[in-house]
Amino acid sequence: MMKTKEAELMSAVLIYAVRCIAEGDYAALRQLQIGQKEIDELKRIGIRDLYHAGSIRSHCVTVSFNRELFWSMVRYMKSQTEIEDDLQALIDRDAPYEMVRDFFGSSTREYTRRRRASIGLTNAGRPQEPTEEEVDRLWDMWKASDRKDASGRLGSVRDYIDLAEESDVSLRSIWLLTERWVEDEAKLADIRANQER
């Protein structure tokens, strides 16, 4: 049976209404102008009935388009896609769990699942230590960076990825070293503050 676009719309609306009933969301049903009599009938609709909705060539809904909500939804979807892309970029570049957790709140299970799905990542465990030349190069770039936030860290995932590409140092090493440097600078600031008292 070939589904018409009208049938697809009706099926989607019917499934939405049935879900609203199951979740007790009667406010959403009122917005659709579905009354108690229709709710009672929807409660009796079965799978076979929904199957037959696939052959309907018309629909019983009035569709309106809210432009303001549309653009709000578009912004939300794009921001979620950017977040997902940034998270995957960190995983693909072998970022350590702590970094992924700090930026995205990911669980170890999610982190491990994503790592398994990526190809060519290092084994779990201690990363290879960077050379002295890499550490010096990274230190110079870190100190010169104007993209750090108040805590002394880079402000975004993209900043860390850019630093990894510019310095040719792995994200694992960058995170390990820069977190150590941020901690050291915080300790020095505390010591100076105590000496000034």
N, C-alpha and C. Protein backbone atom coordinates (compact mmCIF):
# COMPACT_ATOMS: atom_id res chain seq x y z
N MET A 1 0.85 -1.18 0.00
CA MET A 1 0.00 0.00 0.00
C MET A 1 0.89 1.24 0.00
N MET A 2 0.66 2.10 -0.96
CA MET A 2 1.42 3.35 -1.09
C MET A 2 0.82 4.38 -0.15
N LYS A 3 1.64 4.90 0.76
CA LYS A 3 1.15 5.92 1.69
C LYS A 3 1.12 7.28 1.02
N THR A 4 0.04 7.98 1.19
CA THR A 4 -0.05 9.35 0.68
C THR A 4 0.54 10.29 1.70
N LYS A 5 0.87 11.50 1.28
CA LYS A 5 1.39 12.49 2.22
C LYS A 5 0.34 12.83 3.26
N GLU A 6 -0.94 12.83 2.85
CA GLU A 6 -2.03 13.09 3.80
C GLU A 6 -2.10 11.98 4.85
N ALA A 7 -1.91 10.73 4.39
CA ALA A 7 -1.93 9.60 5.32
C ALA A 7 -0.77 9.69 6.31
N GLU A 8 0.39 10.09 5.83
CA GLU A 8 1.54 10.22 6.73
C GLU A 8 1.29 11.30 7.77
N LEU A 9 0.68 12.42 7.35
CA LEU A 9 0.35 13.49 8.30
C LEU A 9 -0.64 12.98 9.34
N MET A 10 -1.71 12.30 8.88
CA MET A 10 -2.71 11.80 9.82
C MET A 10 -2.13 10.78 10.77
N SER A 11 -1.32 9.86 10.24
CA SER A 11 -0.69 8.84 11.10
C SER A 11 0.16 9.50 12.18
N ALA A 12 0.94 10.50 11.77
CA ALA A 12 1.80 11.20 12.74
C ALA A 12 0.96 11.90 13.81
N VAL A 13 -0.14 12.55 13.38
CA VAL A 13 -1.00 13.25 14.34
C VAL A 13 -1.69 12.26 15.27
N LEU A 14 -2.17 11.15 14.72
CA LEU A 14 -2.84 10.14 15.56
C LEU A 14 -1.87 9.54 16.57
N ILE A 15 -0.68 9.22 16.12
CA ILE A 15 0.32 8.66 17.04
C ILE A 15 0.68 9.68 18.11
N TYR A 16 0.81 10.95 17.72
CA TYR A 16 1.10 12.02 18.68
C TYR A 16 -0.03 12.11 19.70
N ALA A 17 -1.28 12.07 19.23
CA ALA A 17 -2.43 12.17 20.14
C ALA A 17 -2.48 10.99 21.10
N VAL A 18 -2.24 9.79 20.58
CA VAL A 18 -2.24 8.59 21.43
C VAL A 18 -1.14 8.69 22.49
N ARG A 19 0.01 9.19 22.09
CA ARG A 19 1.11 9.36 23.05
C ARG A 19 0.74 10.40 24.11
N CYS A 20 0.11 11.50 23.69
CA CYS A 20 -0.33 12.51 24.66
C CYS A 20 -1.29 11.90 25.69
N ILE A 21 -2.20 11.06 25.21
CA ILE A 21 -3.14 10.40 26.12
C ILE A 21 -2.38 9.50 27.09
N ALA A 22 -1.45 8.70 26.56
CA ALA A 22 -0.67 7.78 27.41
C ALA A 22 0.13 8.53 28.47
N GLU A 23 0.64 9.73 28.11
CA GLU A 23 1.45 10.51 29.04
C GLU A 23 0.62 11.48 29.87
N GLY A 24 -0.69 11.52 29.61
CA GLY A 24 -1.56 12.42 30.37
C GLY A 24 -1.40 13.88 30.00
N ASP A 25 -0.92 14.15 28.80
CA ASP A 25 -0.70 15.53 28.35
C ASP A 25 -1.96 16.07 27.67
N TYR A 26 -2.98 16.34 28.48
CA TYR A 26 -4.27 16.79 27.94
C TYR A 26 -4.21 18.24 27.47
N ALA A 27 -3.25 19.01 27.95
CA ALA A 27 -3.09 20.40 27.49
C ALA A 27 -2.71 20.40 26.00
N ALA A 28 -1.82 19.48 25.61
CA ALA A 28 -1.43 19.40 24.19
C ALA A 28 -2.63 18.98 23.33
N LEU A 29 -3.45 18.09 23.86
CA LEU A 29 -4.64 17.67 23.12
C LEU A 29 -5.63 18.82 22.97
N ARG A 30 -5.76 19.64 24.00
CA ARG A 30 -6.64 20.81 23.92
C ARG A 30 -6.13 21.79 22.87
N GLN A 31 -4.81 21.95 22.78
CA GLN A 31 -4.24 22.83 21.76
C GLN A 31 -4.60 22.35 20.36
N LEU A 32 -4.72 21.03 20.19
CA LEU A 32 -5.12 20.47 18.91
C LEU A 32 -6.64 20.49 18.73
N GLN A 33 -7.33 21.00 19.75
CA GLN A 33 -8.79 21.06 19.76
C GLN A 33 -9.41 19.66 19.69
N ILE A 34 -8.79 18.72 20.39
CA ILE A 34 -9.32 17.36 20.52
C ILE A 34 -10.12 17.31 21.81
N GLY A 35 -11.39 17.02 21.70
CA GLY A 35 -12.29 16.99 22.85
C GLY A 35 -12.33 15.63 23.53
N GLN A 36 -13.11 15.54 24.61
CA GLN A 36 -13.19 14.32 25.39
C GLN A 36 -13.75 13.15 24.57
N LYS A 37 -14.73 13.43 23.72
CA LYS A 37 -15.33 12.38 22.90
C LYS A 37 -14.27 11.76 21.97
N GLU A 38 -13.45 12.63 21.37
CA GLU A 38 -12.38 12.15 20.48
C GLU A 38 -11.30 11.41 21.28
N ILE A 39 -11.01 11.90 22.49
CA ILE A 39 -10.01 11.22 23.34
C ILE A 39 -10.48 9.80 23.65
N ASP A 40 -11.77 9.67 24.01
CA ASP A 40 -12.31 8.34 24.30
C ASP A 40 -12.17 7.40 23.10
N GLU A 41 -12.42 7.93 21.90
CA GLU A 41 -12.31 7.10 20.69
C GLU A 41 -10.85 6.76 20.40
N LEU A 42 -9.95 7.73 20.60
CA LEU A 42 -8.53 7.47 20.38
C LEU A 42 -8.01 6.37 21.31
N LYS A 43 -8.57 6.29 22.50
CA LYS A 43 -8.16 5.24 23.44
C LYS A 43 -8.52 3.86 22.92
N ARG A 44 -9.50 3.79 22.04
CA ARG A 44 -9.95 2.50 21.51
C ARG A 44 -9.26 2.13 20.18
N ILE A 45 -8.50 3.07 19.62
CA ILE A 45 -7.84 2.80 18.33
C ILE A 45 -6.70 1.82 18.53
N GLY A 46 -6.66 0.80 17.67
CA GLY A 46 -5.62 -0.23 17.76
C GLY A 46 -4.62 -0.11 16.63
N ILE A 47 -3.66 -1.02 16.64
CA ILE A 47 -2.60 -1.04 15.63
C ILE A 47 -3.20 -1.24 14.22
N ARG A 48 -4.15 -2.14 14.10
CA ARG A 48 -4.76 -2.39 12.79
C ARG A 48 -5.45 -1.14 12.27
N ASP A 49 -6.09 -0.38 13.19
CA ASP A 49 -6.75 0.86 12.77
C ASP A 49 -5.72 1.85 12.24
N LEU A 50 -4.58 1.95 12.94
CA LEU A 50 -3.52 2.87 12.48
C LEU A 50 -2.96 2.42 11.13
N TYR A 51 -2.93 1.10 10.92
CA TYR A 51 -2.46 0.59 9.64
C TYR A 51 -3.37 1.08 8.51
N HIS A 52 -4.67 1.05 8.74
CA HIS A 52 -5.62 1.48 7.72
C HIS A 52 -5.57 2.99 7.49
N ALA A 53 -5.04 3.72 8.46
CA ALA A 53 -4.89 5.17 8.27
C ALA A 53 -3.92 5.47 7.13
N GLY A 54 -3.10 4.47 6.77
CA GLY A 54 -2.14 4.64 5.69
C GLY A 54 -2.77 4.81 4.33
N SER A 55 -4.04 4.46 4.19
CA SER A 55 -4.69 4.60 2.88
C SER A 55 -5.57 5.84 2.79
N ILE A 56 -5.58 6.65 3.84
CA ILE A 56 -6.40 7.86 3.84
C ILE A 56 -5.83 8.86 2.82
N ARG A 57 -6.72 9.51 2.08
CA ARG A 57 -6.28 10.48 1.09
C ARG A 57 -6.62 11.91 1.50
N SER A 58 -7.04 12.10 2.72
CA SER A 58 -7.32 13.44 3.24
C SER A 58 -6.93 13.44 4.71
N HIS A 59 -7.06 14.59 5.34
CA HIS A 59 -6.75 14.65 6.78
C HIS A 59 -7.74 15.56 7.46
N CYS A 60 -7.77 15.45 8.80
CA CYS A 60 -8.75 16.22 9.57
C CYS A 60 -8.08 17.24 10.49
N VAL A 61 -6.91 17.68 10.10
CA VAL A 61 -6.20 18.67 10.93
C VAL A 61 -6.03 19.97 10.15
N THR A 62 -5.98 21.05 10.93
CA THR A 62 -5.66 22.36 10.35
C THR A 62 -4.22 22.65 10.71
N VAL A 63 -3.40 22.81 9.72
CA VAL A 63 -1.97 23.02 9.96
C VAL A 63 -1.66 24.51 9.85
N SER A 64 -0.96 25.03 10.84
CA SER A 64 -0.48 26.41 10.75
C SER A 64 1.01 26.41 11.06
N PHE A 65 1.70 27.40 10.56
CA PHE A 65 3.16 27.46 10.69
C PHE A 65 3.52 28.66 11.54
N ASN A 66 4.20 28.42 12.66
CA ASN A 66 4.63 29.48 13.55
C ASN A 66 6.09 29.79 13.22
N ARG A 67 6.31 30.90 12.52
CA ARG A 67 7.68 31.23 12.06
C ARG A 67 8.64 31.45 13.22
N GLU A 68 8.16 32.12 14.27
CA GLU A 68 9.04 32.40 15.41
C GLU A 68 9.51 31.09 16.05
N LEU A 69 8.59 30.16 16.27
CA LEU A 69 8.97 28.86 16.84
C LEU A 69 9.85 28.06 15.88
N PHE A 70 9.56 28.19 14.58
CA PHE A 70 10.37 27.49 13.59
C PHE A 70 11.83 27.90 13.70
N TRP A 71 12.11 29.21 13.74
CA TRP A 71 13.50 29.67 13.80
C TRP A 71 14.15 29.32 15.13
N SER A 72 13.35 29.29 16.18
CA SER A 72 13.87 28.85 17.47
C SER A 72 14.26 27.37 17.40
N MET A 73 13.43 26.56 16.77
CA MET A 73 13.74 25.14 16.60
C MET A 73 14.97 24.94 15.72
N VAL A 74 15.09 25.72 14.66
CA VAL A 74 16.25 25.60 13.77
C VAL A 74 17.53 25.92 14.54
N ARG A 75 17.50 27.01 15.33
CA ARG A 75 18.69 27.37 16.13
C ARG A 75 19.04 26.25 17.11
N TYR A 76 18.03 25.69 17.75
CA TYR A 76 18.27 24.60 18.71
C TYR A 76 18.89 23.39 18.00
N MET A 77 18.30 22.98 16.88
CA MET A 77 18.81 21.81 16.15
C MET A 77 20.25 22.03 15.70
N LYS A 78 20.54 23.23 15.19
CA LYS A 78 21.90 23.51 14.73
C LYS A 78 22.89 23.52 15.90
N SER A 79 22.47 24.08 17.04
CA SER A 79 23.38 24.11 18.20
C SER A 79 23.64 22.69 18.70
N GLN A 80 22.62 21.83 18.69
CA GLN A 80 22.81 20.44 19.10
C GLN A 80 23.73 19.70 18.13
N THR A 81 23.60 19.99 16.85
CA THR A 81 24.47 19.38 15.84
C THR A 81 25.91 19.83 16.05
N GLU A 82 26.12 21.12 16.35
CA GLU A 82 27.47 21.62 16.61
C GLU A 82 28.07 20.95 17.84
N ILE A 83 27.27 20.79 18.88
CA ILE A 83 27.75 20.12 20.10
C ILE A 83 28.15 18.70 19.77
N GLU A 84 27.29 18.00 19.04
CA GLU A 84 27.57 16.61 18.65
C GLU A 84 28.84 16.55 17.80
N ASP A 85 29.01 17.48 16.87
CA ASP A 85 30.21 17.50 16.02
C ASP A 85 31.47 17.75 16.85
N ASP A 86 31.39 18.68 17.81
CA ASP A 86 32.54 18.97 18.67
C ASP A 86 32.90 17.76 19.53
N LEU A 87 31.89 17.09 20.07
CA LEU A 87 32.13 15.91 20.89
C LEU A 87 32.81 14.83 20.05
N GLN A 88 32.29 14.59 18.86
CA GLN A 88 32.88 13.57 18.00
C GLN A 88 34.29 13.96 17.55
N ALA A 89 34.52 15.26 17.34
CA ALA A 89 35.86 15.72 16.96
C ALA A 89 36.87 15.42 18.07
N LEU A 90 36.46 15.60 19.32
CA LEU A 90 37.36 15.27 20.43
C LEU A 90 37.63 13.77 20.47
N ILE A 91 36.59 12.97 20.32
CA ILE A 91 36.77 11.51 20.35
C ILE A 91 37.69 11.08 19.21
N ASP A 92 37.44 11.59 18.01
CA ASP A 92 38.24 11.21 16.84
C ASP A 92 39.70 11.62 16.98
N ARG A 93 39.95 12.67 17.78
CA ARG A 93 41.33 13.14 17.98
C ARG A 93 41.93 12.56 19.26
N ASP A 94 41.29 11.50 19.79
CA ASP A 94 41.84 10.74 20.92
C ASP A 94 41.94 11.58 22.20
N ALA A 95 40.94 12.44 22.43
CA ALA A 95 40.93 13.24 23.65
C ALA A 95 40.75 12.34 24.87
N PRO A 96 41.36 12.69 26.00
CA PRO A 96 41.18 11.88 27.20
C PRO A 96 39.77 12.04 27.77
N TYR A 97 39.36 11.04 28.55
CA TYR A 97 38.02 11.06 29.13
C TYR A 97 37.75 12.32 29.94
N GLU A 98 38.73 12.76 30.74
CA GLU A 98 38.53 13.92 31.60
C GLU A 98 38.15 15.15 30.80
N MET A 99 38.77 15.31 29.64
CA MET A 99 38.49 16.46 28.78
C MET A 99 37.06 16.38 28.23
N VAL A 100 36.67 15.21 27.76
CA VAL A 100 35.32 15.01 27.22
C VAL A 100 34.29 15.21 28.33
N ARG A 101 34.59 14.70 29.52
CA ARG A 101 33.67 14.88 30.65
C ARG A 101 33.53 16.35 31.03
N ASP A 102 34.64 17.08 31.07
CA ASP A 102 34.60 18.49 31.46
C ASP A 102 33.81 19.34 30.47
N PHE A 103 33.94 19.04 29.18
CA PHE A 103 33.23 19.84 28.18
C PHE A 103 31.79 19.40 27.98
N PHE A 104 31.52 18.09 28.06
CA PHE A 104 30.21 17.59 27.67
C PHE A 104 29.47 16.81 28.75
N GLY A 105 30.13 16.57 29.89
CA GLY A 105 29.47 15.81 30.95
C GLY A 105 29.24 14.35 30.57
N SER A 106 30.02 13.83 29.65
CA SER A 106 29.83 12.45 29.18
C SER A 106 30.20 11.45 30.26
N SER A 107 29.47 10.34 30.27
CA SER A 107 29.78 9.25 31.20
C SER A 107 30.92 8.41 30.61
N THR A 108 31.52 7.59 31.44
CA THR A 108 32.59 6.71 30.94
C THR A 108 32.01 5.73 29.92
N ARG A 109 30.77 5.30 30.13
CA ARG A 109 30.13 4.36 29.21
C ARG A 109 29.99 5.00 27.81
N GLU A 110 29.49 6.24 27.78
CA GLU A 110 29.32 6.95 26.50
C GLU A 110 30.68 7.17 25.83
N TYR A 111 31.66 7.58 26.63
CA TYR A 111 33.00 7.82 26.11
C TYR A 111 33.57 6.54 25.49
N THR A 112 33.45 5.43 26.21
CA THR A 112 33.98 4.15 25.74
C THR A 112 33.25 3.70 24.48
N ARG A 113 31.94 3.86 24.45
CA ARG A 113 31.15 3.47 23.28
C ARG A 113 31.60 4.26 22.05
N ARG A 114 31.79 5.56 22.22
CA ARG A 114 32.21 6.39 21.09
C ARG A 114 33.63 6.04 20.64
N ARG A 115 34.51 5.77 21.58
CA ARG A 115 35.89 5.39 21.22
C ARG A 115 35.91 4.10 20.42
N ARG A 116 35.09 3.14 20.85
CA ARG A 116 35.04 1.86 20.13
C ARG A 116 34.55 2.04 18.70
N ALA A 117 33.66 3.01 18.51
CA ALA A 117 33.12 3.25 17.17
C ALA A 117 34.10 4.00 16.28
N SER A 118 35.11 4.64 16.88
CA SER A 118 36.11 5.37 16.10
C SER A 118 37.28 4.45 15.77
N ILE A 119 37.95 4.76 14.70
CA ILE A 119 39.04 3.90 14.21
C ILE A 119 40.39 4.58 14.46
N GLY A 120 41.37 3.78 14.84
CA GLY A 120 42.75 4.28 14.92
C GLY A 120 43.08 5.02 16.20
N LEU A 121 42.33 4.78 17.28
CA LEU A 121 42.62 5.47 18.53
C LEU A 121 43.65 4.70 19.34
N THR A 122 44.32 5.40 20.24
CA THR A 122 45.32 4.75 21.09
C THR A 122 44.63 3.81 22.06
N ASN A 123 45.41 2.88 22.59
CA ASN A 123 44.87 2.01 23.63
C ASN A 123 44.67 2.82 24.89
N ALA A 124 43.77 2.33 25.73
CA ALA A 124 43.57 3.00 27.01
C ALA A 124 44.88 2.92 27.80
N GLY A 125 45.05 3.82 28.71
CA GLY A 125 46.26 3.82 29.52
C GLY A 125 47.03 5.11 29.36
N ARG A 126 48.23 5.09 29.84
CA ARG A 126 49.07 6.28 29.84
C ARG A 126 49.48 6.65 28.42
N PRO A 127 49.23 7.92 28.02
CA PRO A 127 49.64 8.32 26.67
C PRO A 127 51.15 8.48 26.57
N GLN A 128 51.65 8.42 25.35
CA GLN A 128 53.07 8.63 25.13
C GLN A 128 53.41 10.06 25.51
N GLU A 129 54.49 10.21 26.26
CA GLU A 129 54.91 11.54 26.72
C GLU A 129 55.40 12.36 25.53
N PRO A 130 55.06 13.65 25.50
CA PRO A 130 55.58 14.50 24.42
C PRO A 130 57.07 14.76 24.61
N THR A 131 57.74 15.07 23.51
CA THR A 131 59.17 15.37 23.58
C THR A 131 59.36 16.74 24.22
N GLU A 132 60.59 17.04 24.62
CA GLU A 132 60.88 18.36 25.20
C GLU A 132 60.59 19.47 24.20
N GLU A 133 60.91 19.19 22.94
CA GLU A 133 60.66 20.19 21.89
C GLU A 133 59.14 20.47 21.78
N GLU A 134 58.34 19.40 21.83
CA GLU A 134 56.88 19.58 21.76
C GLU A 134 56.36 20.35 22.97
N VAL A 135 56.89 20.04 24.14
CA VAL A 135 56.46 20.74 25.37
C VAL A 135 56.82 22.22 25.27
N ASP A 136 58.03 22.52 24.82
CA ASP A 136 58.44 23.92 24.69
C ASP A 136 57.57 24.67 23.68
N ARG A 137 57.32 24.03 22.54
CA ARG A 137 56.49 24.64 21.51
C ARG A 137 55.08 24.89 22.04
N LEU A 138 54.53 23.90 22.72
CA LEU A 138 53.19 24.02 23.28
C LEU A 138 53.15 25.11 24.35
N TRP A 139 54.16 25.18 25.21
CA TRP A 139 54.21 26.19 26.27
C TRP A 139 54.19 27.60 25.67
N ASP A 140 55.01 27.82 24.65
CA ASP A 140 55.06 29.14 24.01
C ASP A 140 53.70 29.51 23.42
N MET A 141 53.07 28.56 22.76
CA MET A 141 51.77 28.83 22.15
C MET A 141 50.69 29.04 23.22
N TRP A 142 50.78 28.28 24.30
CA TRP A 142 49.82 28.39 25.41
C TRP A 142 49.92 29.76 26.07
N LYS A 143 51.13 30.17 26.37
CA LYS A 143 51.33 31.47 27.03
C LYS A 143 50.89 32.62 26.13
N ALA A 144 51.09 32.48 24.83
CA ALA A 144 50.76 33.56 23.89
C ALA A 144 49.28 33.60 23.53
N SER A 145 48.54 32.56 23.89
CA SER A 145 47.14 32.47 23.47
C SER A 145 46.28 33.53 24.16
N ASP A 146 45.43 34.19 23.38
CA ASP A 146 44.50 35.17 23.94
C ASP A 146 43.08 34.58 24.01
N ARG A 147 42.99 33.26 23.88
CA ARG A 147 41.67 32.60 23.87
C ARG A 147 41.36 31.89 25.19
N LYS A 148 42.12 32.21 26.24
CA LYS A 148 41.89 31.55 27.53
C LYS A 148 40.80 32.26 28.31
N ASP A 149 40.07 31.48 29.11
CA ASP A 149 39.01 32.07 29.94
C ASP A 149 39.59 32.46 31.30
N ALA A 150 38.73 32.84 32.23
CA ALA A 150 39.16 33.32 33.54
C ALA A 150 39.92 32.25 34.34
N SER A 151 39.61 30.98 34.10
CA SER A 151 40.29 29.91 34.82
C SER A 151 41.68 29.63 34.26
N GLY A 152 41.97 30.18 33.07
CA GLY A 152 43.26 29.94 32.44
C GLY A 152 43.21 28.87 31.37
N ARG A 153 42.04 28.25 31.20
CA ARG A 153 41.87 27.22 30.16
C ARG A 153 41.42 27.88 28.86
N LEU A 154 41.61 27.15 27.77
CA LEU A 154 41.06 27.62 26.51
C LEU A 154 39.54 27.57 26.61
N GLY A 155 38.88 28.49 25.91
CA GLY A 155 37.44 28.66 26.10
C GLY A 155 36.54 27.66 25.41
N SER A 156 37.05 26.96 24.37
CA SER A 156 36.15 26.08 23.63
C SER A 156 36.89 24.85 23.12
N VAL A 157 36.10 23.86 22.76
CA VAL A 157 36.64 22.65 22.16
C VAL A 157 37.43 23.00 20.90
N ARG A 158 36.87 23.87 20.08
CA ARG A 158 37.51 24.26 18.83
C ARG A 158 38.88 24.87 19.09
N ASP A 159 39.02 25.65 20.19
CA ASP A 159 40.33 26.23 20.53
C ASP A 159 41.37 25.14 20.80
N TYR A 160 40.95 24.08 21.53
CA TYR A 160 41.87 22.98 21.81
C TYR A 160 42.24 22.23 20.54
N ILE A 161 41.26 22.01 19.68
CA ILE A 161 41.53 21.31 18.43
C ILE A 161 42.49 22.13 17.56
N ASP A 162 42.24 23.43 17.48
CA ASP A 162 43.13 24.31 16.72
C ASP A 162 44.56 24.26 17.28
N LEU A 163 44.67 24.28 18.61
CA LEU A 163 45.99 24.23 19.24
C LEU A 163 46.69 22.91 18.92
N ALA A 164 45.94 21.81 18.93
CA ALA A 164 46.53 20.51 18.59
C ALA A 164 47.04 20.50 17.15
N GLU A 165 46.27 21.09 16.25
CA GLU A 165 46.68 21.12 14.85
C GLU A 165 47.87 22.05 14.63
N GLU A 166 47.85 23.22 15.30
CA GLU A 166 48.94 24.19 15.12
C GLU A 166 50.24 23.71 15.76
N SER A 167 50.15 23.05 16.91
CA SER A 167 51.35 22.65 17.64
C SER A 167 51.85 21.27 17.24
N ASP A 168 50.98 20.49 16.56
CA ASP A 168 51.30 19.11 16.20
C ASP A 168 51.59 18.27 17.44
N VAL A 169 50.83 18.56 18.52
CA VAL A 169 50.90 17.79 19.76
C VAL A 169 49.52 17.17 19.96
N SER A 170 49.49 15.93 20.47
CA SER A 170 48.21 15.24 20.63
C SER A 170 47.33 15.93 21.67
N LEU A 171 46.01 15.77 21.50
CA LEU A 171 45.08 16.35 22.48
C LEU A 171 45.30 15.77 23.87
N ARG A 172 45.64 14.49 23.94
CA ARG A 172 45.91 13.87 25.25
C ARG A 172 47.04 14.62 25.96
N SER A 173 48.12 14.87 25.24
CA SER A 173 49.26 15.57 25.84
C SER A 173 48.90 17.01 26.16
N ILE A 174 48.18 17.67 25.24
CA ILE A 174 47.79 19.06 25.48
C ILE A 174 46.95 19.16 26.74
N TRP A 175 45.97 18.29 26.89
CA TRP A 175 45.10 18.35 28.07
C TRP A 175 45.90 18.09 29.35
N LEU A 176 46.74 17.05 29.32
CA LEU A 176 47.54 16.72 30.49
C LEU A 176 48.45 17.88 30.90
N LEU A 177 49.17 18.44 29.94
CA LEU A 177 50.11 19.51 30.23
C LEU A 177 49.42 20.80 30.63
N THR A 178 48.41 21.21 29.86
CA THR A 178 47.78 22.50 30.15
C THR A 178 47.00 22.46 31.46
N GLU A 179 46.41 21.32 31.79
CA GLU A 179 45.72 21.22 33.08
C GLU A 179 46.74 21.35 34.22
N ARG A 180 47.90 20.78 34.02
CA ARG A 180 48.98 20.90 35.03
C ARG A 180 49.41 22.36 35.15
N TRP A 181 49.55 23.05 34.00
CA TRP A 181 49.97 24.45 34.02
C TRP A 181 48.91 25.35 34.66
N VAL A 182 47.65 25.08 34.37
CA VAL A 182 46.57 25.87 34.98
C VAL A 182 46.59 25.68 36.49
N GLU A 183 46.76 24.44 36.93
CA GLU A 183 46.81 24.15 38.37
C GLU A 183 48.01 24.84 39.02
N ASP A 184 49.17 24.79 38.36
CA ASP A 184 50.38 25.44 38.90
C ASP A 184 50.19 26.95 39.00
N GLU A 185 49.59 27.56 37.98
CA GLU A 185 49.36 29.01 38.01
C GLU A 185 48.38 29.39 39.12
N ALA A 186 47.39 28.55 39.37
CA ALA A 186 46.43 28.82 40.45
C ALA A 186 47.13 28.75 41.81
N LYS A 187 48.02 27.78 41.96
CA LYS A 187 48.77 27.66 43.21
C LYS A 187 49.67 28.87 43.42
N LEU A 188 50.35 29.30 42.34
CA LEU A 188 51.21 30.49 42.44
C LEU A 188 50.40 31.73 42.80
N ALA A 189 49.21 31.87 42.23
CA ALA A 189 48.37 33.01 42.53
C ALA A 189 47.96 32.99 44.01
N ASP A 190 47.67 31.80 44.55
CA ASP A 190 47.32 31.69 45.97
C ASP A 190 48.50 32.07 46.87
N ILE A 191 49.69 31.62 46.48
CA ILE A 191 50.89 31.94 47.27
C ILE A 191 51.13 33.45 47.28
N ARG A 192 51.01 34.08 46.09
CA ARG A 192 51.20 35.53 46.01
C ARG A 192 50.15 36.27 46.85
N ALA A 193 48.91 35.81 46.77
CA ALA A 193 47.84 36.45 47.53
C ALA A 193 48.10 36.36 49.04
N ASN A 194 48.59 35.19 49.48
CA ASN A 194 48.91 35.01 50.91
C ASN A 194 50.09 35.86 51.35
N GLN A 195 51.08 36.05 50.46
CA GLN A 195 52.25 36.86 50.80
C GLN A 195 51.88 38.34 50.91
N GLU A 196 50.86 38.77 50.15
CA GLU A 196 50.47 40.17 50.16
C GLU A 196 49.65 40.52 51.39
N ARG A 197 49.18 39.55 52.12
CA ARG A 197 48.35 39.82 53.30
C ARG A 197 49.16 40.28 54.47
